[in-house]
Amino acid sequence: KGIGRRLLMEAIHRLRKKGCKEIFLELRASNVAARKLYEPMGFKMIGLRKHYYVRPPEDAIVMKLNI
């Protein structure tokens, strides 16, 4: 339905108005749905945090968006 995308767009808009230049986020490496949301909006993978999550054990992808 696009609710997550609209919420993210509004958050980016508000952060930009407040002078924010960058947004960082972390997500489970297996979270394909989240990557499908973030990547088309311009977020780029900038790193990997090995063994970041404990239950279940999993790496975290670090993403960044320059606004």
N, C-alpha and C. Protein backbone atom coordinates (compact mmCIF):
# COMPACT_ATOMS: atom_id res chain seq x y z
N LYS A 1 0.81 -1.19 0.00
CA LYS A 1 0.00 0.00 0.00
C LYS A 1 0.85 1.26 0.00
N GLY A 2 2.13 1.12 0.22
CA GLY A 2 3.02 2.28 0.15
C GLY A 2 3.09 3.12 1.42
N ILE A 3 2.55 2.61 2.52
CA ILE A 3 2.54 3.39 3.76
C ILE A 3 3.96 3.62 4.27
N GLY A 4 4.78 2.57 4.27
CA GLY A 4 6.16 2.71 4.74
C GLY A 4 6.93 3.71 3.91
N ARG A 5 6.74 3.68 2.61
CA ARG A 5 7.44 4.61 1.72
C ARG A 5 7.01 6.05 2.01
N ARG A 6 5.73 6.27 2.19
CA ARG A 6 5.23 7.61 2.48
C ARG A 6 5.75 8.13 3.83
N LEU A 7 5.77 7.25 4.83
CA LEU A 7 6.31 7.64 6.13
C LEU A 7 7.79 8.01 6.03
N LEU A 8 8.54 7.22 5.29
CA LEU A 8 9.96 7.49 5.12
C LEU A 8 10.17 8.79 4.37
N MET A 9 9.39 9.04 3.33
CA MET A 9 9.51 10.28 2.58
C MET A 9 9.23 11.50 3.47
N GLU A 10 8.23 11.39 4.32
CA GLU A 10 7.90 12.48 5.23
C GLU A 10 9.02 12.70 6.24
N ALA A 11 9.59 11.63 6.77
CA ALA A 11 10.70 11.75 7.71
C ALA A 11 11.90 12.42 7.04
N ILE A 12 12.22 12.02 5.81
CA ILE A 12 13.33 12.63 5.07
C ILE A 12 13.06 14.11 4.85
N HIS A 13 11.85 14.44 4.46
CA HIS A 13 11.46 15.84 4.23
C HIS A 13 11.66 16.67 5.50
N ARG A 14 11.21 16.17 6.63
CA ARG A 14 11.33 16.90 7.90
C ARG A 14 12.79 17.04 8.34
N LEU A 15 13.56 15.98 8.15
CA LEU A 15 14.97 16.04 8.52
C LEU A 15 15.72 17.04 7.64
N ARG A 16 15.41 17.06 6.34
CA ARG A 16 16.03 18.00 5.42
C ARG A 16 15.73 19.44 5.86
N LYS A 17 14.47 19.71 6.23
CA LYS A 17 14.07 21.05 6.67
C LYS A 17 14.83 21.48 7.93
N LYS A 18 15.20 20.52 8.75
CA LYS A 18 15.93 20.82 10.00
C LYS A 18 17.44 20.90 9.78
N GLY A 19 17.88 20.69 8.53
CA GLY A 19 19.30 20.83 8.22
C GLY A 19 20.10 19.56 8.23
N CYS A 20 19.44 18.43 8.38
CA CYS A 20 20.14 17.14 8.36
C CYS A 20 20.75 16.90 6.98
N LYS A 21 21.96 16.41 6.94
CA LYS A 21 22.65 16.16 5.66
C LYS A 21 22.76 14.67 5.31
N GLU A 22 22.70 13.81 6.34
CA GLU A 22 22.87 12.37 6.11
C GLU A 22 21.91 11.59 7.01
N ILE A 23 21.49 10.44 6.50
CA ILE A 23 20.68 9.51 7.29
C ILE A 23 21.37 8.15 7.22
N PHE A 24 21.53 7.52 8.36
CA PHE A 24 22.12 6.19 8.43
C PHE A 24 21.08 5.23 8.99
N LEU A 25 21.14 3.99 8.54
CA LEU A 25 20.28 2.97 9.11
C LEU A 25 20.95 1.61 9.02
N GLU A 26 20.49 0.71 9.86
CA GLU A 26 20.99 -0.66 9.88
C GLU A 26 19.81 -1.60 9.73
N LEU A 27 20.02 -2.67 9.01
CA LEU A 27 18.97 -3.66 8.84
C LEU A 27 19.59 -5.05 8.73
N ARG A 28 18.79 -6.03 9.08
CA ARG A 28 19.27 -7.42 8.96
C ARG A 28 19.61 -7.71 7.50
N ALA A 29 20.68 -8.44 7.31
CA ALA A 29 21.11 -8.80 5.96
C ALA A 29 20.02 -9.56 5.20
N SER A 30 19.18 -10.29 5.92
CA SER A 30 18.13 -11.08 5.27
C SER A 30 16.86 -10.28 4.99
N ASN A 31 16.81 -9.01 5.39
CA ASN A 31 15.60 -8.21 5.25
C ASN A 31 15.48 -7.62 3.84
N VAL A 32 15.09 -8.46 2.91
CA VAL A 32 14.99 -8.08 1.50
C VAL A 32 13.92 -7.01 1.30
N ALA A 33 12.82 -7.10 2.01
CA ALA A 33 11.74 -6.11 1.87
C ALA A 33 12.23 -4.71 2.22
N ALA A 34 13.02 -4.61 3.28
CA ALA A 34 13.55 -3.30 3.67
C ALA A 34 14.49 -2.75 2.61
N ARG A 35 15.33 -3.58 2.06
CA ARG A 35 16.25 -3.12 1.01
C ARG A 35 15.48 -2.66 -0.21
N LYS A 36 14.38 -3.34 -0.52
CA LYS A 36 13.54 -2.92 -1.66
C LYS A 36 12.87 -1.58 -1.40
N LEU A 37 12.70 -1.22 -0.15
CA LEU A 37 12.16 0.09 0.20
C LEU A 37 13.25 1.15 0.15
N TYR A 38 14.38 0.90 0.78
CA TYR A 38 15.42 1.90 0.94
C TYR A 38 16.22 2.18 -0.34
N GLU A 39 16.61 1.16 -1.08
CA GLU A 39 17.48 1.36 -2.24
C GLU A 39 16.86 2.26 -3.31
N PRO A 40 15.59 2.07 -3.70
CA PRO A 40 15.02 2.97 -4.71
C PRO A 40 14.90 4.43 -4.23
N MET A 41 14.96 4.63 -2.92
CA MET A 41 14.88 5.99 -2.38
C MET A 41 16.27 6.63 -2.27
N GLY A 42 17.29 5.90 -2.69
CA GLY A 42 18.64 6.47 -2.75
C GLY A 42 19.60 6.01 -1.68
N PHE A 43 19.16 5.17 -0.74
CA PHE A 43 20.06 4.66 0.28
C PHE A 43 21.07 3.71 -0.37
N LYS A 44 22.33 3.85 0.04
CA LYS A 44 23.41 3.00 -0.48
C LYS A 44 24.03 2.22 0.66
N MET A 45 24.39 0.98 0.37
CA MET A 45 25.08 0.16 1.37
C MET A 45 26.49 0.70 1.53
N ILE A 46 26.88 0.98 2.79
CA ILE A 46 28.22 1.50 3.04
C ILE A 46 29.04 0.60 3.95
N GLY A 47 28.41 -0.44 4.47
CA GLY A 47 29.16 -1.31 5.35
C GLY A 47 28.36 -2.51 5.82
N LEU A 48 29.06 -3.37 6.51
CA LEU A 48 28.46 -4.59 7.05
C LEU A 48 28.98 -4.76 8.47
N ARG A 49 28.08 -5.00 9.41
CA ARG A 49 28.47 -5.26 10.80
C ARG A 49 28.30 -6.76 11.05
N LYS A 50 29.41 -7.44 11.09
CA LYS A 50 29.40 -8.89 11.28
C LYS A 50 28.83 -9.25 12.66
N HIS A 51 27.97 -10.26 12.65
CA HIS A 51 27.40 -10.81 13.89
C HIS A 51 26.72 -9.74 14.76
N TYR A 52 26.09 -8.76 14.14
CA TYR A 52 25.48 -7.64 14.86
C TYR A 52 24.26 -8.07 15.66
N TYR A 53 23.42 -8.89 15.05
CA TYR A 53 22.22 -9.36 15.72
C TYR A 53 22.50 -10.68 16.43
N VAL A 54 21.81 -10.88 17.56
CA VAL A 54 22.06 -12.07 18.38
C VAL A 54 20.99 -13.13 18.18
N ARG A 55 19.72 -12.75 18.19
CA ARG A 55 18.61 -13.71 18.10
C ARG A 55 17.72 -13.43 16.92
N PRO A 56 17.82 -14.14 15.86
CA PRO A 56 18.88 -15.10 15.53
C PRO A 56 20.16 -14.38 15.11
N PRO A 57 21.28 -15.07 15.19
CA PRO A 57 22.55 -14.45 14.79
C PRO A 57 22.53 -14.06 13.32
N GLU A 58 22.96 -12.84 13.06
CA GLU A 58 22.94 -12.35 11.68
C GLU A 58 23.76 -11.06 11.58
N ASP A 59 24.27 -10.81 10.37
CA ASP A 59 24.97 -9.56 10.10
C ASP A 59 23.98 -8.43 9.88
N ALA A 60 24.46 -7.20 10.05
CA ALA A 60 23.65 -6.02 9.76
C ALA A 60 24.25 -5.28 8.58
N ILE A 61 23.42 -4.83 7.70
CA ILE A 61 23.83 -3.97 6.59
C ILE A 61 23.67 -2.52 7.06
N VAL A 62 24.69 -1.72 6.83
CA VAL A 62 24.62 -0.29 7.15
C VAL A 62 24.39 0.46 5.85
N MET A 63 23.38 1.33 5.85
CA MET A 63 23.06 2.09 4.65
C MET A 63 23.07 3.58 4.97
N LYS A 64 23.29 4.39 3.93
CA LYS A 64 23.39 5.84 4.10
C LYS A 64 22.66 6.53 2.96
N LEU A 65 22.03 7.65 3.30
CA LEU A 65 21.40 8.51 2.31
C LEU A 65 21.89 9.93 2.54
N ASN A 66 22.45 10.54 1.52
CA ASN A 66 22.81 11.96 1.58
C ASN A 66 21.58 12.76 1.19
N ILE A 67 21.16 13.66 2.06
CA ILE A 67 20.01 14.49 1.73
C ILE A 67 20.46 15.89 1.64
